[in-house]
Amino acid sequence: MKRVISIGIASLFALPSLGCVNERVQDIATLEGDLTSGKVIYDGSCAGCHGKDGRGSGPVDLLEDPDGPDEEFIEIILYGEGNMPAYADQLDDQEIADVVAHIRVTLSGQ
């Protein structure tokens, strides 16, 4: 019984990485981001790896796929990916929406 529960719990954590968009991701995607707040958060939490311009180096180029859906950015910010840490417990939903707005509008010019 314990094995089944452990596998079930582990699979819940794997869902974001499988491309399943959860309710929190969808809720954040509906928020209007604030560019000024997004820049402050980005500069303090993201620019160290992604660079002030979003290009970073190697696999951290945020502007490589500027037409990707916001949900992809949100999901990666929330749960991390590769060497990027998860920010689900560090940023609230509005702060994540603000960062995504900054990436979309200020960095990629969309």
PDB file of N, CA and C in Angstrom:
ATOM      1  N   MET A   1       0.812  -1.190   0.000  1.00  0.00           N
ATOM      2  CA  MET A   1       0.000   0.000   0.000  1.00  0.00           C
ATOM      3  C   MET A   1       0.858   1.257   0.000  1.00  0.00           C
ATOM      4  N   LYS A   2       1.904   1.283   0.810  1.00  0.00           N
ATOM      5  CA  LYS A   2       2.762   2.459   0.858  1.00  0.00           C
ATOM      6  C   LYS A   2       3.396   2.743  -0.500  1.00  0.00           C
ATOM      7  N   ARG A   3       3.762   1.701  -1.219  1.00  0.00           N
ATOM      8  CA  ARG A   3       4.390   1.878  -2.530  1.00  0.00           C
ATOM      9  C   ARG A   3       3.441   2.581  -3.493  1.00  0.00           C
ATOM     10  N   VAL A   4       2.179   2.208  -3.503  1.00  0.00           N
ATOM     11  CA  VAL A   4       1.189   2.825  -4.381  1.00  0.00           C
ATOM     12  C   VAL A   4       1.024   4.296  -4.040  1.00  0.00           C
ATOM     13  N   ILE A   5       0.954   4.622  -2.767  1.00  0.00           N
ATOM     14  CA  ILE A   5       0.811   6.007  -2.339  1.00  0.00           C
ATOM     15  C   ILE A   5       2.039   6.810  -2.751  1.00  0.00           C
ATOM     16  N   SER A   6       3.214   6.266  -2.563  1.00  0.00           N
ATOM     17  CA  SER A   6       4.444   6.968  -2.942  1.00  0.00           C
ATOM     18  C   SER A   6       4.488   7.234  -4.437  1.00  0.00           C
ATOM     19  N   ILE A   7       4.104   6.283  -5.227  1.00  0.00           N
ATOM     20  CA  ILE A   7       4.089   6.460  -6.675  1.00  0.00           C
ATOM     21  C   ILE A   7       3.053   7.500  -7.054  1.00  0.00           C
ATOM     22  N   GLY A   8       1.893   7.470  -6.411  1.00  0.00           N
ATOM     23  CA  GLY A   8       0.847   8.450  -6.689  1.00  0.00           C
ATOM     24  C   GLY A   8       1.291   9.857  -6.367  1.00  0.00           C
ATOM     25  N   ILE A   9       1.921  10.043  -5.230  1.00  0.00           N
ATOM     26  CA  ILE A   9       2.405  11.368  -4.855  1.00  0.00           C
ATOM     27  C   ILE A   9       3.503  11.823  -5.800  1.00  0.00           C
ATOM     28  N   ALA A  10       4.418  10.952  -6.135  1.00  0.00           N
ATOM     29  CA  ALA A  10       5.489  11.318  -7.060  1.00  0.00           C
ATOM     30  C   ALA A  10       4.937  11.717  -8.416  1.00  0.00           C
ATOM     31  N   SER A  11       3.891  11.054  -8.853  1.00  0.00           N
ATOM     32  CA  SER A  11       3.326  11.399 -10.160  1.00  0.00           C
ATOM     33  C   SER A  11       2.669  12.768 -10.143  1.00  0.00           C
ATOM     34  N   LEU A  12       2.155  13.209  -9.004  1.00  0.00           N
ATOM     35  CA  LEU A  12       1.583  14.554  -8.917  1.00  0.00           C
ATOM     36  C   LEU A  12       2.637  15.619  -9.162  1.00  0.00           C
ATOM     37  N   PHE A  13       3.828  15.389  -8.643  1.00  0.00           N
ATOM     38  CA  PHE A  13       4.903  16.349  -8.849  1.00  0.00           C
ATOM     39  C   PHE A  13       5.410  16.320 -10.282  1.00  0.00           C
ATOM     40  N   ALA A  14       5.238  15.223 -10.962  1.00  0.00           N
ATOM     41  CA  ALA A  14       5.698  15.111 -12.341  1.00  0.00           C
ATOM     42  C   ALA A  14       4.735  15.747 -13.332  1.00  0.00           C
ATOM     43  N   LEU A  15       3.490  15.972 -12.944  1.00  0.00           N
ATOM     44  CA  LEU A  15       2.493  16.502 -13.877  1.00  0.00           C
ATOM     45  C   LEU A  15       2.921  17.788 -14.562  1.00  0.00           C
ATOM     46  N   PRO A  16       3.441  18.786 -13.850  1.00  0.00           N
ATOM     47  CA  PRO A  16       3.833  20.003 -14.552  1.00  0.00           C
ATOM     48  C   PRO A  16       4.875  19.740 -15.643  1.00  0.00           C
ATOM     49  N   SER A  17       5.792  18.825 -15.383  1.00  0.00           N
ATOM     50  CA  SER A  17       6.822  18.563 -16.373  1.00  0.00           C
ATOM     51  C   SER A  17       6.295  17.766 -17.560  1.00  0.00           C
ATOM     52  N   LEU A  18       5.116  17.210 -17.448  1.00  0.00           N
ATOM     53  CA  LEU A  18       4.524  16.450 -18.552  1.00  0.00           C
ATOM     54  C   LEU A  18       3.649  17.322 -19.441  1.00  0.00           C
ATOM     55  N   GLY A  19       3.612  18.612 -19.155  1.00  0.00           N
ATOM     56  CA  GLY A  19       2.851  19.512 -20.001  1.00  0.00           C
ATOM     57  C   GLY A  19       1.403  19.691 -19.577  1.00  0.00           C
ATOM     58  N   CYS A  20       1.024  19.151 -18.440  1.00  0.00           N
ATOM     59  CA  CYS A  20      -0.333  19.336 -17.939  1.00  0.00           C
ATOM     60  C   CYS A  20      -0.404  20.703 -17.267  1.00  0.00           C
ATOM     61  N   VAL A  21      -1.297  21.526 -17.737  1.00  0.00           N
ATOM     62  CA  VAL A  21      -1.422  22.858 -17.164  1.00  0.00           C
ATOM     63  C   VAL A  21      -2.398  22.774 -15.999  1.00  0.00           C
ATOM     64  N   ASN A  22      -1.899  23.080 -14.807  1.00  0.00           N
ATOM     65  CA  ASN A  22      -2.760  22.986 -13.639  1.00  0.00           C
ATOM     66  C   ASN A  22      -3.519  24.285 -13.400  1.00  0.00           C
ATOM     67  N   GLU A  23      -4.380  24.265 -12.408  1.00  0.00           N
ATOM     68  CA  GLU A  23      -5.249  25.402 -12.143  1.00  0.00           C
ATOM     69  C   GLU A  23      -4.465  26.655 -11.763  1.00  0.00           C
ATOM     70  N   ARG A  24      -3.406  26.513 -10.975  1.00  0.00           N
ATOM     71  CA  ARG A  24      -2.619  27.691 -10.593  1.00  0.00           C
ATOM     72  C   ARG A  24      -1.988  28.333 -11.820  1.00  0.00           C
ATOM     73  N   VAL A  25      -1.452  27.541 -12.715  1.00  0.00           N
ATOM     74  CA  VAL A  25      -0.863  28.074 -13.942  1.00  0.00           C
ATOM     75  C   VAL A  25      -1.917  28.834 -14.740  1.00  0.00           C
ATOM     76  N   GLN A  26      -3.085  28.246 -14.891  1.00  0.00           N
ATOM     77  CA  GLN A  26      -4.165  28.894 -15.633  1.00  0.00           C
ATOM     78  C   GLN A  26      -4.609  30.191 -14.955  1.00  0.00           C
ATOM     79  N   ASP A  27      -4.699  30.185 -13.630  1.00  0.00           N
ATOM     80  CA  ASP A  27      -5.091  31.389 -12.898  1.00  0.00           C
ATOM     81  C   ASP A  27      -4.075  32.512 -13.104  1.00  0.00           C
ATOM     82  N   ILE A  28      -2.807  32.192 -13.034  1.00  0.00           N
ATOM     83  CA  ILE A  28      -1.760  33.199 -13.226  1.00  0.00           C
ATOM     84  C   ILE A  28      -1.821  33.758 -14.639  1.00  0.00           C
ATOM     85  N   ALA A  29      -2.094  32.897 -15.611  1.00  0.00           N
ATOM     86  CA  ALA A  29      -2.149  33.331 -17.010  1.00  0.00           C
ATOM     87  C   ALA A  29      -3.268  34.339 -17.258  1.00  0.00           C
ATOM     88  N   THR A  30      -4.268  34.371 -16.398  1.00  0.00           N
ATOM     89  CA  THR A  30      -5.374  35.321 -16.577  1.00  0.00           C
ATOM     90  C   THR A  30      -5.103  36.677 -15.931  1.00  0.00           C
ATOM     91  N   LEU A  31      -4.060  36.765 -15.109  1.00  0.00           N
ATOM     92  CA  LEU A  31      -3.747  38.020 -14.417  1.00  0.00           C
ATOM     93  C   LEU A  31      -3.059  38.999 -15.354  1.00  0.00           C
ATOM     94  N   GLU A  32      -3.307  40.276 -15.125  1.00  0.00           N
ATOM     95  CA  GLU A  32      -2.607  41.316 -15.876  1.00  0.00           C
ATOM     96  C   GLU A  32      -1.323  41.645 -15.119  1.00  0.00           C
ATOM     97  N   GLY A  33      -0.196  41.482 -15.787  1.00  0.00           N
ATOM     98  CA  GLY A  33       1.082  41.735 -15.153  1.00  0.00           C
ATOM     99  C   GLY A  33       1.450  43.205 -15.156  1.00  0.00           C
ATOM    100  N   ASP A  34       2.164  43.624 -14.133  1.00  0.00           N
ATOM    101  CA  ASP A  34       2.647  44.995 -14.013  1.00  0.00           C
ATOM    102  C   ASP A  34       4.119  45.026 -14.443  1.00  0.00           C
ATOM    103  N   LEU A  35       4.414  45.803 -15.482  1.00  0.00           N
ATOM    104  CA  LEU A  35       5.767  45.831 -16.038  1.00  0.00           C
ATOM    105  C   LEU A  35       6.805  46.344 -15.050  1.00  0.00           C
ATOM    106  N   THR A  36       6.460  47.372 -14.289  1.00  0.00           N
ATOM    107  CA  THR A  36       7.415  47.955 -13.350  1.00  0.00           C
ATOM    108  C   THR A  36       7.773  46.953 -12.253  1.00  0.00           C
ATOM    109  N   SER A  37       6.763  46.337 -11.664  1.00  0.00           N
ATOM    110  CA  SER A  37       7.012  45.326 -10.633  1.00  0.00           C
ATOM    111  C   SER A  37       7.751  44.127 -11.217  1.00  0.00           C
ATOM    112  N   GLY A  38       7.366  43.741 -12.422  1.00  0.00           N
ATOM    113  CA  GLY A  38       8.013  42.609 -13.078  1.00  0.00           C
ATOM    114  C   GLY A  38       9.488  42.835 -13.297  1.00  0.00           C
ATOM    115  N   LYS A  39       9.864  44.054 -13.666  1.00  0.00           N
ATOM    116  CA  LYS A  39      11.280  44.378 -13.879  1.00  0.00           C
ATOM    117  C   LYS A  39      12.055  44.291 -12.572  1.00  0.00           C
ATOM    118  N   VAL A  40      11.474  44.804 -11.497  1.00  0.00           N
ATOM    119  CA  VAL A  40      12.140  44.766 -10.190  1.00  0.00           C
ATOM    120  C   VAL A  40      12.370  43.318  -9.757  1.00  0.00           C
ATOM    121  N   ILE A  41      11.347  42.487  -9.888  1.00  0.00           N
ATOM    122  CA  ILE A  41      11.462  41.079  -9.516  1.00  0.00           C
ATOM    123  C   ILE A  41      12.460  40.374 -10.427  1.00  0.00           C
ATOM    124  N   TYR A  42      12.355  40.600 -11.724  1.00  0.00           N
ATOM    125  CA  TYR A  42      13.258  39.987 -12.694  1.00  0.00           C
ATOM    126  C   TYR A  42      14.708  40.360 -12.388  1.00  0.00           C
ATOM    127  N   ASP A  43      14.958  41.654 -12.189  1.00  0.00           N
ATOM    128  CA  ASP A  43      16.323  42.109 -11.918  1.00  0.00           C
ATOM    129  C   ASP A  43      16.883  41.472 -10.649  1.00  0.00           C
ATOM    130  N   GLY A  44      16.032  41.268  -9.640  1.00  0.00           N
ATOM    131  CA  GLY A  44      16.495  40.701  -8.381  1.00  0.00           C
ATOM    132  C   GLY A  44      16.586  39.188  -8.350  1.00  0.00           C
ATOM    133  N   SER A  45      15.747  38.507  -9.104  1.00  0.00           N
ATOM    134  CA  SER A  45      15.677  37.049  -9.007  1.00  0.00           C
ATOM    135  C   SER A  45      16.083  36.297 -10.275  1.00  0.00           C
ATOM    136  N   CYS A  46      16.038  36.945 -11.430  1.00  0.00           N
ATOM    137  CA  CYS A  46      16.195  36.224 -12.695  1.00  0.00           C
ATOM    138  C   CYS A  46      17.433  36.641 -13.493  1.00  0.00           C
ATOM    139  N   ALA A  47      17.769  37.923 -13.433  1.00  0.00           N
ATOM    140  CA  ALA A  47      18.824  38.473 -14.296  1.00  0.00           C
ATOM    141  C   ALA A  47      20.193  37.852 -14.038  1.00  0.00           C
ATOM    142  N   GLY A  48      20.415  37.335 -12.841  1.00  0.00           N
ATOM    143  CA  GLY A  48      21.699  36.710 -12.533  1.00  0.00           C
ATOM    144  C   GLY A  48      22.042  35.582 -13.494  1.00  0.00           C
ATOM    145  N   CYS A  49      21.053  34.825 -13.910  1.00  0.00           N
ATOM    146  CA  CYS A  49      21.269  33.722 -14.864  1.00  0.00           C
ATOM    147  C   CYS A  49      20.812  34.079 -16.270  1.00  0.00           C
ATOM    148  N   HIS A  50      19.683  34.781 -16.362  1.00  0.00           N
ATOM    149  CA  HIS A  50      19.100  35.064 -17.671  1.00  0.00           C
ATOM    150  C   HIS A  50      19.609  36.356 -18.292  1.00  0.00           C
ATOM    151  N   GLY A  51      20.381  37.128 -17.535  1.00  0.00           N
ATOM    152  CA  GLY A  51      20.904  38.387 -18.047  1.00  0.00           C
ATOM    153  C   GLY A  51      19.851  39.487 -18.032  1.00  0.00           C
ATOM    154  N   LYS A  52      20.306  40.724 -17.986  1.00  0.00           N
ATOM    155  CA  LYS A  52      19.392  41.874 -17.972  1.00  0.00           C
ATOM    156  C   LYS A  52      18.515  41.903 -19.223  1.00  0.00           C
ATOM    157  N   ASP A  53      19.040  41.373 -20.340  1.00  0.00           N
ATOM    158  CA  ASP A  53      18.310  41.408 -21.603  1.00  0.00           C
ATOM    159  C   ASP A  53      17.539  40.117 -21.891  1.00  0.00           C
ATOM    160  N   GLY A  54      17.603  39.131 -20.988  1.00  0.00           N
ATOM    161  CA  GLY A  54      16.887  37.875 -21.176  1.00  0.00           C
ATOM    162  C   GLY A  54      17.626  36.843 -22.001  1.00  0.00           C
ATOM    163  N   ARG A  55      18.777  37.214 -22.523  1.00  0.00           N
ATOM    164  CA  ARG A  55      19.513  36.298 -23.400  1.00  0.00           C
ATOM    165  C   ARG A  55      20.408  35.328 -22.644  1.00  0.00           C
ATOM    166  N   GLY A  56      20.856  35.701 -21.460  1.00  0.00           N
ATOM    167  CA  GLY A  56      21.691  34.804 -20.671  1.00  0.00           C
ATOM    168  C   GLY A  56      22.794  34.185 -21.493  1.00  0.00           C
ATOM    169  N   SER A  57      23.128  32.961 -21.162  1.00  0.00           N
ATOM    170  CA  SER A  57      24.113  32.215 -21.949  1.00  0.00           C
ATOM    171  C   SER A  57      23.694  30.754 -21.967  1.00  0.00           C
ATOM    172  N   GLY A  58      23.962  30.092 -23.049  1.00  0.00           N
ATOM    173  CA  GLY A  58      23.587  28.688 -23.167  1.00  0.00           C
ATOM    174  C   GLY A  58      22.084  28.488 -23.164  1.00  0.00           C
ATOM    175  N   PRO A  59      21.596  27.530 -22.369  1.00  0.00           N
ATOM    176  CA  PRO A  59      20.177  27.174 -22.409  1.00  0.00           C
ATOM    177  C   PRO A  59      19.249  28.117 -21.642  1.00  0.00           C
ATOM    178  N   VAL A  60      19.743  29.251 -21.164  1.00  0.00           N
ATOM    179  CA  VAL A  60      18.899  30.138 -20.368  1.00  0.00           C
ATOM    180  C   VAL A  60      18.357  31.323 -21.163  1.00  0.00           C
ATOM    181  N   ASP A  61      18.430  31.280 -22.475  1.00  0.00           N
ATOM    182  CA  ASP A  61      17.935  32.354 -23.330  1.00  0.00           C
ATOM    183  C   ASP A  61      16.406  32.363 -23.309  1.00  0.00           C
ATOM    184  N   LEU A  62      15.835  33.376 -22.648  1.00  0.00           N
ATOM    185  CA  LEU A  62      14.376  33.462 -22.533  1.00  0.00           C
ATOM    186  C   LEU A  62      13.706  33.858 -23.835  1.00  0.00           C
ATOM    187  N   LEU A  63      14.464  34.438 -24.738  1.00  0.00           N
ATOM    188  CA  LEU A  63      13.875  34.965 -25.965  1.00  0.00           C
ATOM    189  C   LEU A  63      14.050  34.038 -27.161  1.00  0.00           C
ATOM    190  N   GLU A  64      14.553  32.843 -26.896  1.00  0.00           N
ATOM    191  CA  GLU A  64      14.757  31.864 -27.967  1.00  0.00           C
ATOM    192  C   GLU A  64      13.441  31.494 -28.649  1.00  0.00           C
ATOM    193  N   ASP A  65      12.370  31.387 -27.863  1.00  0.00           N
ATOM    194  CA  ASP A  65      11.045  31.051 -28.402  1.00  0.00           C
ATOM    195  C   ASP A  65      10.050  32.105 -27.917  1.00  0.00           C
ATOM    196  N   PRO A  66      10.104  33.317 -28.498  1.00  0.00           N
ATOM    197  CA  PRO A  66       9.265  34.405 -27.997  1.00  0.00           C
ATOM    198  C   PRO A  66       7.766  34.191 -28.214  1.00  0.00           C
ATOM    199  N   ASP A  67       7.392  33.256 -29.069  1.00  0.00           N
ATOM    200  CA  ASP A  67       5.980  33.022 -29.349  1.00  0.00           C
ATOM    201  C   ASP A  67       5.385  31.895 -28.516  1.00  0.00           C
ATOM    202  N   GLY A  68       6.191  31.304 -27.634  1.00  0.00           N
ATOM    203  CA  GLY A  68       5.672  30.237 -26.779  1.00  0.00           C
ATOM    204  C   GLY A  68       4.586  30.776 -25.865  1.00  0.00           C
ATOM    205  N   PRO A  69       3.669  29.920 -25.433  1.00  0.00           N
ATOM    206  CA  PRO A  69       2.573  30.388 -24.574  1.00  0.00           C
ATOM    207  C   PRO A  69       3.061  30.829 -23.198  1.00  0.00           C
ATOM    208  N   ASP A  70       2.357  31.793 -22.622  1.00  0.00           N
ATOM    209  CA  ASP A  70       2.693  32.267 -21.280  1.00  0.00           C
ATOM    210  C   ASP A  70       2.698  31.126 -20.276  1.00  0.00           C
ATOM    211  N   GLU A  71       1.823  30.158 -20.462  1.00  0.00           N
ATOM    212  CA  GLU A  71       1.741  29.038 -19.529  1.00  0.00           C
ATOM    213  C   GLU A  71       3.066  28.297 -19.401  1.00  0.00           C
ATOM    214  N   GLU A  72       3.841  28.240 -20.477  1.00  0.00           N
ATOM    215  CA  GLU A  72       5.159  27.585 -20.397  1.00  0.00           C
ATOM    216  C   GLU A  72       6.084  28.357 -19.474  1.00  0.00           C
ATOM    217  N   PHE A  73       6.141  29.684 -19.623  1.00  0.00           N
ATOM    218  CA  PHE A  73       6.954  30.507 -18.726  1.00  0.00           C
ATOM    219  C   PHE A  73       6.485  30.336 -17.286  1.00  0.00           C
ATOM    220  N   ILE A  74       5.181  30.407 -17.085  1.00  0.00           N
ATOM    221  CA  ILE A  74       4.614  30.318 -15.741  1.00  0.00           C
ATOM    222  C   ILE A  74       4.960  28.989 -15.094  1.00  0.00           C
ATOM    223  N   GLU A  75       4.783  27.914 -15.833  1.00  0.00           N
ATOM    224  CA  GLU A  75       5.060  26.581 -15.323  1.00  0.00           C
ATOM    225  C   GLU A  75       6.529  26.430 -14.919  1.00  0.00           C
ATOM    226  N   ILE A  76       7.423  26.936 -15.730  1.00  0.00           N
ATOM    227  CA  ILE A  76       8.856  26.835 -15.423  1.00  0.00           C
ATOM    228  C   ILE A  76       9.210  27.705 -14.223  1.00  0.00           C
ATOM    229  N   ILE A  77       8.633  28.897 -14.140  1.00  0.00           N
ATOM    230  CA  ILE A  77       8.881  29.759 -12.978  1.00  0.00           C
ATOM    231  C   ILE A  77       8.382  29.071 -11.708  1.00  0.00           C
ATOM    232  N   LEU A  78       7.199  28.496 -11.766  1.00  0.00           N
ATOM    233  CA  LEU A  78       6.631  27.833 -10.592  1.00  0.00           C
ATOM    234  C   LEU A  78       7.430  26.610 -10.156  1.00  0.00           C
ATOM    235  N   TYR A  79       7.733  25.726 -11.102  1.00  0.00           N
ATOM    236  CA  TYR A  79       8.252  24.409 -10.751  1.00  0.00           C
ATOM    237  C   TYR A  79       9.716  24.182 -11.090  1.00  0.00           C
ATOM    238  N   GLY A  80      10.335  25.153 -11.769  1.00  0.00           N
ATOM    239  CA  GLY A  80      11.730  24.992 -12.150  1.00  0.00           C
ATOM    240  C   GLY A  80      11.879  24.035 -13.320  1.00  0.00           C
ATOM    241  N   GLU A  81      13.088  24.002 -13.840  1.00  0.00           N
ATOM    242  CA  GLU A  81      13.399  23.075 -14.946  1.00  0.00           C
ATOM    243  C   GLU A  81      14.907  23.041 -15.096  1.00  0.00           C
ATOM    244  N   GLY A  82      15.465  21.857 -15.185  1.00  0.00           N
ATOM    245  CA  GLY A  82      16.918  21.748 -15.298  1.00  0.00           C
ATOM    246  C   GLY A  82      17.585  22.392 -14.085  1.00  0.00           C
ATOM    247  N   ASN A  83      18.480  23.341 -14.330  1.00  0.00           N
ATOM    248  CA  ASN A  83      19.178  24.020 -13.237  1.00  0.00           C
ATOM    249  C   ASN A  83      18.384  25.171 -12.628  1.00  0.00           C
ATOM    250  N   MET A  84      17.260  25.511 -13.239  1.00  0.00           N
ATOM    251  CA  MET A  84      16.473  26.612 -12.704  1.00  0.00           C
ATOM    252  C   MET A  84      15.660  26.143 -11.503  1.00  0.00           C
ATOM    253  N   PRO A  85      15.762  26.895 -10.391  1.00  0.00           N
ATOM    254  CA  PRO A  85      14.985  26.511  -9.217  1.00  0.00           C
ATOM    255  C   PRO A  85      13.515  26.859  -9.373  1.00  0.00           C
ATOM    256  N   ALA A  86      12.694  26.230  -8.565  1.00  0.00           N
ATOM    257  CA  ALA A  86      11.265  26.522  -8.515  1.00  0.00           C
ATOM    258  C   ALA A  86      11.027  27.767  -7.660  1.00  0.00           C
ATOM    259  N   TYR A  87      10.068  28.582  -8.085  1.00  0.00           N
ATOM    260  CA  TYR A  87       9.732  29.795  -7.341  1.00  0.00           C
ATOM    261  C   TYR A  87       8.303  29.758  -6.800  1.00  0.00           C
ATOM    262  N   ALA A  88       7.666  28.600  -6.815  1.00  0.00           N
ATOM    263  CA  ALA A  88       6.276  28.479  -6.374  1.00  0.00           C
ATOM    264  C   ALA A  88       6.076  28.952  -4.942  1.00  0.00           C
ATOM    265  N   ASP A  89       7.075  28.767  -4.097  1.00  0.00           N
ATOM    266  CA  ASP A  89       6.966  29.172  -2.703  1.00  0.00           C
ATOM    267  C   ASP A  89       7.623  30.523  -2.424  1.00  0.00           C
ATOM    268  N   GLN A  90       8.247  31.112  -3.449  1.00  0.00           N
ATOM    269  CA  GLN A  90       8.956  32.374  -3.249  1.00  0.00           C
ATOM    270  C   GLN A  90       8.232  33.571  -3.869  1.00  0.00           C
ATOM    271  N   LEU A  91       7.486  33.321  -4.929  1.00  0.00           N
ATOM    272  CA  LEU A  91       6.747  34.394  -5.604  1.00  0.00           C
ATOM    273  C   LEU A  91       5.259  34.075  -5.569  1.00  0.00           C
ATOM    274  N   ASP A  92       4.447  35.101  -5.329  1.00  0.00           N
ATOM    275  CA  ASP A  92       3.007  34.852  -5.385  1.00  0.00           C
ATOM    276  C   ASP A  92       2.540  34.943  -6.835  1.00  0.00           C
ATOM    277  N   ASP A  93       1.278  34.644  -7.057  1.00  0.00           N
ATOM    278  CA  ASP A  93       0.744  34.572  -8.416  1.00  0.00           C
ATOM    279  C   ASP A  93       0.904  35.898  -9.172  1.00  0.00           C
ATOM    280  N   GLN A  94       0.614  37.004  -8.506  1.00  0.00           N
ATOM    281  CA  GLN A  94       0.724  38.303  -9.167  1.00  0.00           C
ATOM    282  C   GLN A  94       2.177  38.618  -9.524  1.00  0.00           C
ATOM    283  N   GLU A  95       3.106  38.280  -8.655  1.00  0.00           N
ATOM    284  CA  GLU A  95       4.523  38.518  -8.949  1.00  0.00           C
ATOM    285  C   GLU A  95       4.976  37.715 -10.172  1.00  0.00           C
ATOM    286  N   ILE A  96       4.491  36.487 -10.294  1.00  0.00           N
ATOM    287  CA  ILE A  96       4.837  35.668 -11.462  1.00  0.00           C
ATOM    288  C   ILE A  96       4.234  36.287 -12.715  1.00  0.00           C
ATOM    289  N   ALA A  97       2.990  36.736 -12.645  1.00  0.00           N
ATOM    290  CA  ALA A  97       2.366  37.410 -13.794  1.00  0.00           C
ATOM    291  C   ALA A  97       3.149  38.661 -14.168  1.00  0.00           C
ATOM    292  N   ASP A  98       3.654  39.385 -13.171  1.00  0.00           N
ATOM    293  CA  ASP A  98       4.450  40.587 -13.428  1.00  0.00           C
ATOM    294  C   ASP A  98       5.748  40.249 -14.156  1.00  0.00           C
ATOM    295  N   VAL A  99       6.424  39.189 -13.722  1.00  0.00           N
ATOM    296  CA  VAL A  99       7.670  38.769 -14.370  1.00  0.00           C
ATOM    297  C   VAL A  99       7.407  38.360 -15.817  1.00  0.00           C
ATOM    298  N   VAL A 100       6.343  37.590 -16.043  1.00  0.00           N
ATOM    299  CA  VAL A 100       6.004  37.162 -17.406  1.00  0.00           C
ATOM    300  C   VAL A 100       5.710  38.378 -18.277  1.00  0.00           C
ATOM    301  N   ALA A 101       4.989  39.365 -17.747  1.00  0.00           N
ATOM    302  CA  ALA A 101       4.714  40.585 -18.508  1.00  0.00           C
ATOM    303  C   ALA A 101       6.013  41.297 -18.875  1.00  0.00           C
ATOM    304  N   HIS A 102       6.934  41.375 -17.931  1.00  0.00           N
ATOM    305  CA  HIS A 102       8.227  42.017 -18.200  1.00  0.00           C
ATOM    306  C   HIS A 102       8.970  41.274 -19.311  1.00  0.00           C
ATOM    307  N   ILE A 103       8.992  39.961 -19.235  1.00  0.00           N
ATOM    308  CA  ILE A 103       9.676  39.152 -20.264  1.00  0.00           C
ATOM    309  C   ILE A 103       9.020  39.390 -21.628  1.00  0.00           C
ATOM    310  N   ARG A 104       7.696  39.330 -21.659  1.00  0.00           N
ATOM    311  CA  ARG A 104       6.961  39.471 -22.921  1.00  0.00           C
ATOM    312  C   ARG A 104       7.075  40.865 -23.534  1.00  0.00           C
ATOM    313  N   VAL A 105       6.839  41.880 -22.745  1.00  0.00           N
ATOM    314  CA  VAL A 105       6.725  43.234 -23.272  1.00  0.00           C
ATOM    315  C   VAL A 105       8.069  43.949 -23.326  1.00  0.00           C
ATOM    316  N   THR A 106       8.769  43.980 -22.222  1.00  0.00           N
ATOM    317  CA  THR A 106      10.006  44.746 -22.146  1.00  0.00           C
ATOM    318  C   THR A 106      11.159  44.030 -22.846  1.00  0.00           C
ATOM    319  N   LEU A 107      11.332  42.744 -22.579  1.00  0.00           N
ATOM    320  CA  LEU A 107      12.474  42.042 -23.148  1.00  0.00           C
ATOM    321  C   LEU A 107      12.259  41.595 -24.585  1.00  0.00           C
ATOM    322  N   SER A 108      11.084  41.045 -24.886  1.00  0.00           N
ATOM    323  CA  SER A 108      10.885  40.528 -26.241  1.00  0.00           C
ATOM    324  C   SER A 108      10.128  41.469 -27.148  1.00  0.00           C
ATOM    325  N   GLY A 109       9.621  42.583 -26.602  1.00  0.00           N
ATOM    326  CA  GLY A 109       8.965  43.585 -27.428  1.00  0.00           C
ATOM    327  C   GLY A 109       7.615  43.178 -27.961  1.00  0.00           C
ATOM    328  N   GLN A 110       6.929  42.241 -27.315  1.00  0.00           N
ATOM    329  CA  GLN A 110       5.611  41.809 -27.796  1.00  0.00           C
ATOM    330  C   GLN A 110       4.517  42.661 -27.232  1.00  0.00           C
TER     331      GLN A 110
END
